[in-house]
Amino acid sequence: MTPPSSDREVIMNQIIDDVGIVRRDAWSAKSPTTSLDLDWDYDSIVIHNSGHGHLDTMLKIQKFDLEKRHWEDISYHYGIMPDGTIFEGRQLIYKGADVKNQNTGKIGIVCIGDYDSGVVNWFSGRAYKGDPVLPKMLDSVRKLTRRLMAAFPTIVRFGGHIEYGDTSDCPGDMLMPYMDTLRKEFGLLVPIKRSGL
């Protein structure tokens, strides 16, 4: 049963406090540009990387989402730095914007960094070798996922963005190999891949 809105905010804040997540106001997040759609009863967790466009802070990611993608807020619910620091992104009571045409019921987590090897940026023409996948970041993925699973027993799927469809590379060929291991640790299922939506 879905709790009332006031209870959802209590649960959202309990997760932040329990996991030690840096709140939006601490990283100077801008307010959404318009009202956001509510969401709850999550069934999936989607792992992303921020890519090779120097989007290495939550503020830069939010600015990109607002100014380049023309979205109403940062697209992800949480961001995790290579050192393991976890940031609040779009508030958990709202639907994310991180999986094209299939955001309902999905919690988006962006691992901040470029986890693609040998990628050439189409805009700059520069090649990137990718960032190392650090144990502290993976430990924070584990910690956050376990807490989310405790709050939402409805979560049954976990995977990288590419496993859900609509992308050819996210979360990157260096981070993607960890998805199956993590999924097995959590006892969760492979995502259902949908494309052409």
Protein backbone atom coordinates (compact mmCIF):
# COMPACT_ATOMS: atom_id res chain seq x y z
CA MET A 1 0.00 0.00 0.00
CA THR A 2 1.35 3.42 -0.97
CA PRO A 3 1.81 5.71 2.05
CA PRO A 4 0.37 9.25 2.10
CA SER A 5 2.60 12.05 0.79
CA SER A 6 3.65 13.20 4.28
CA ASP A 7 4.83 9.66 5.14
CA ARG A 8 6.75 9.44 1.86
CA GLU A 9 8.78 12.50 2.83
CA VAL A 10 9.50 10.97 6.24
CA ILE A 11 10.76 7.77 4.57
CA MET A 12 12.81 9.80 2.04
CA ASN A 13 14.47 11.73 4.89
CA GLN A 14 15.07 8.58 6.94
CA ILE A 15 16.98 7.07 4.01
CA ILE A 16 19.08 10.24 3.72
CA ASP A 17 19.88 10.21 7.45
CA ASP A 18 20.51 6.46 7.70
CA VAL A 19 22.91 6.36 4.76
CA GLY A 20 24.60 9.73 5.43
CA ILE A 21 23.56 11.29 2.14
CA VAL A 22 24.52 14.90 1.34
CA ARG A 23 21.25 16.84 0.93
CA ARG A 24 20.36 18.95 -2.10
CA ASP A 25 20.76 22.26 -0.27
CA ALA A 26 24.31 21.33 0.77
CA TRP A 27 25.43 21.17 -2.88
CA SER A 28 23.40 24.28 -3.80
CA ALA A 29 20.89 22.47 -5.99
CA LYS A 30 18.51 24.70 -7.89
CA SER A 31 14.79 24.21 -7.37
CA PRO A 32 12.93 22.36 -10.12
CA THR A 33 11.77 24.68 -12.91
CA THR A 34 8.22 23.30 -12.77
CA SER A 35 6.20 20.85 -10.71
CA LEU A 36 7.40 17.25 -10.91
CA ASP A 37 5.37 14.05 -11.23
CA LEU A 38 5.08 12.04 -8.04
CA ASP A 39 6.30 8.43 -7.96
CA TRP A 40 6.63 5.70 -5.34
CA ASP A 41 6.31 1.90 -5.07
CA TYR A 42 9.66 1.55 -6.84
CA ASP A 43 10.46 -1.80 -8.47
CA SER A 44 13.86 -1.15 -10.08
CA ILE A 45 17.23 0.52 -9.52
CA VAL A 46 19.10 1.86 -12.56
CA ILE A 47 22.84 2.56 -12.45
CA HIS A 48 24.34 5.26 -14.70
CA ASN A 49 27.64 7.04 -15.20
CA SER A 50 27.91 10.78 -15.76
CA GLY A 51 30.02 10.19 -18.87
CA HIS A 52 32.90 11.96 -20.52
CA GLY A 53 31.63 15.54 -20.66
CA HIS A 54 33.35 16.68 -17.46
CA LEU A 55 30.09 16.30 -15.51
CA ASP A 56 31.99 15.61 -12.30
CA THR A 57 29.76 17.29 -9.71
CA MET A 58 26.06 17.18 -8.96
CA LEU A 59 25.78 20.89 -9.76
CA LYS A 60 27.32 20.38 -13.22
CA ILE A 61 24.98 17.45 -13.90
CA GLN A 62 21.96 19.48 -12.83
CA LYS A 63 23.07 22.44 -14.96
CA PHE A 64 23.46 20.13 -17.97
CA ASP A 65 20.04 18.57 -17.39
CA LEU A 66 18.39 21.99 -17.03
CA GLU A 67 20.20 23.92 -19.76
CA LYS A 68 21.06 21.31 -22.41
CA ARG A 69 18.34 18.71 -21.99
CA HIS A 70 15.72 21.28 -20.91
CA TRP A 71 14.48 19.05 -18.13
CA GLU A 72 12.87 20.39 -14.99
CA ASP A 73 15.54 19.16 -12.54
CA ILE A 74 18.53 16.85 -12.25
CA SER A 75 17.41 13.54 -13.70
CA TYR A 76 18.85 11.15 -11.08
CA HIS A 77 17.64 10.49 -7.54
CA TYR A 78 21.16 9.99 -6.18
CA GLY A 79 24.76 10.61 -7.21
CA ILE A 80 27.81 8.74 -5.94
CA MET A 81 31.32 10.17 -6.16
CA PRO A 82 34.39 7.95 -6.71
CA ASP A 83 35.30 8.48 -3.03
CA GLY A 84 31.95 7.02 -2.00
CA THR A 85 30.18 10.26 -1.03
CA ILE A 86 26.46 9.98 -1.82
CA PHE A 87 24.40 13.01 -2.84
CA GLU A 88 20.66 13.54 -2.98
CA GLY A 89 19.55 14.40 -6.51
CA ARG A 90 15.93 14.66 -7.58
CA GLN A 91 13.92 14.03 -4.45
CA LEU A 92 12.81 10.43 -4.12
CA ILE A 93 9.12 11.35 -3.96
CA TYR A 94 9.34 12.42 -7.62
CA LYS A 95 9.67 10.39 -10.81
CA GLY A 96 13.18 10.45 -12.26
CA ALA A 97 14.13 11.30 -15.83
CA ASP A 98 16.94 8.86 -16.47
CA VAL A 99 15.46 6.06 -18.63
CA LYS A 100 13.69 7.22 -21.78
CA ASN A 101 9.92 6.65 -21.63
CA GLN A 102 10.15 4.21 -18.72
CA ASN A 103 10.90 6.18 -15.56
CA THR A 104 7.90 5.13 -13.48
CA GLY A 105 8.96 2.87 -10.65
CA LYS A 106 12.70 3.33 -11.23
CA ILE A 107 15.27 4.85 -8.89
CA GLY A 108 18.14 6.42 -10.82
CA ILE A 109 21.65 6.40 -9.33
CA VAL A 110 24.49 8.09 -11.22
CA CYS A 111 28.06 7.04 -10.49
CA ILE A 112 29.93 10.26 -11.12
CA GLY A 113 32.74 9.72 -13.59
CA ASP A 114 33.49 8.31 -17.02
CA TYR A 115 33.48 4.53 -16.89
CA ASP A 116 33.91 3.98 -20.64
CA SER A 117 37.31 2.95 -21.97
CA GLY A 118 38.58 4.41 -25.21
CA VAL A 119 35.63 6.71 -25.94
CA VAL A 120 35.92 9.64 -28.33
CA ASN A 121 33.73 12.62 -27.46
CA TRP A 122 31.78 13.53 -30.60
CA PHE A 123 31.68 17.22 -29.67
CA SER A 124 35.31 17.82 -28.74
CA GLY A 125 36.99 15.04 -30.72
CA ARG A 126 39.02 14.16 -27.60
CA ALA A 127 39.59 10.59 -26.54
CA TYR A 128 38.96 9.49 -22.95
CA LYS A 129 40.46 6.45 -21.28
CA GLY A 130 37.86 6.27 -18.55
CA ASP A 131 38.08 6.54 -14.78
CA PRO A 132 38.91 3.62 -12.51
CA VAL A 133 35.96 2.00 -10.73
CA LEU A 134 36.92 2.48 -7.08
CA PRO A 135 35.90 0.13 -4.25
CA LYS A 136 34.56 3.03 -2.12
CA MET A 137 32.08 3.95 -4.86
CA LEU A 138 30.91 0.34 -5.19
CA ASP A 139 30.58 0.07 -1.41
CA SER A 140 28.30 3.13 -1.47
CA VAL A 141 26.23 1.57 -4.27
CA ARG A 142 25.82 -1.47 -2.01
CA LYS A 143 24.96 0.57 1.09
CA LEU A 144 22.42 2.75 -0.71
CA THR A 145 20.83 -0.14 -2.60
CA ARG A 146 20.40 -2.21 0.57
CA ARG A 147 18.73 0.71 2.35
CA LEU A 148 16.44 1.35 -0.63
CA MET A 149 15.50 -2.34 -0.71
CA ALA A 150 14.58 -2.16 2.98
CA ALA A 151 12.36 0.87 2.34
CA PHE A 152 10.85 -0.58 -0.85
CA PRO A 153 10.29 -4.35 -0.69
CA THR A 154 8.76 -3.87 -4.15
CA ILE A 155 12.28 -3.51 -5.68
CA VAL A 156 12.94 -6.64 -7.73
CA ARG A 157 15.30 -5.48 -10.51
CA PHE A 158 18.78 -3.92 -10.57
CA GLY A 159 21.04 -3.11 -13.48
CA GLY A 160 22.93 -0.73 -15.68
CA HIS A 161 21.08 1.74 -17.91
CA ILE A 162 22.00 -0.24 -21.05
CA GLU A 163 20.10 -3.23 -19.64
CA TYR A 164 16.88 -1.22 -19.61
CA GLY A 165 17.30 -0.06 -23.22
CA ASP A 166 17.60 3.32 -25.00
CA THR A 167 21.40 3.59 -24.67
CA SER A 168 24.39 1.83 -26.14
CA ASP A 169 26.99 2.51 -23.47
CA CYS A 170 25.78 3.74 -20.05
CA PRO A 171 27.02 2.98 -17.35
CA GLY A 172 30.17 2.28 -19.35
CA ASP A 173 32.12 -0.83 -20.24
CA MET A 174 34.26 -0.51 -17.09
CA LEU A 175 31.33 -0.25 -14.63
CA MET A 176 28.91 -2.60 -16.38
CA PRO A 177 30.78 -5.83 -15.44
CA TYR A 178 29.97 -5.14 -11.77
CA MET A 179 26.20 -5.15 -12.37
CA ASP A 180 25.80 -8.93 -12.43
CA THR A 181 27.91 -9.38 -9.29
CA LEU A 182 25.96 -6.70 -7.41
CA ARG A 183 22.63 -8.05 -8.62
CA LYS A 184 23.53 -11.50 -7.28
CA GLU A 185 24.61 -9.99 -3.94
CA PHE A 186 21.22 -8.27 -3.65
CA GLY A 187 19.21 -11.24 -4.92
CA LEU A 188 17.58 -9.07 -7.60
CA LEU A 189 16.57 -9.82 -11.17
CA VAL A 190 17.98 -8.69 -14.51
CA PRO A 191 16.09 -5.70 -15.95
CA ILE A 192 13.61 -6.15 -18.76
CA LYS A 193 15.19 -4.49 -21.79
CA ARG A 194 12.88 -2.30 -23.81
CA SER A 195 13.95 -0.39 -26.88
CA GLY A 196 12.28 1.81 -29.43
CA LEU A 197 10.01 3.45 -26.86
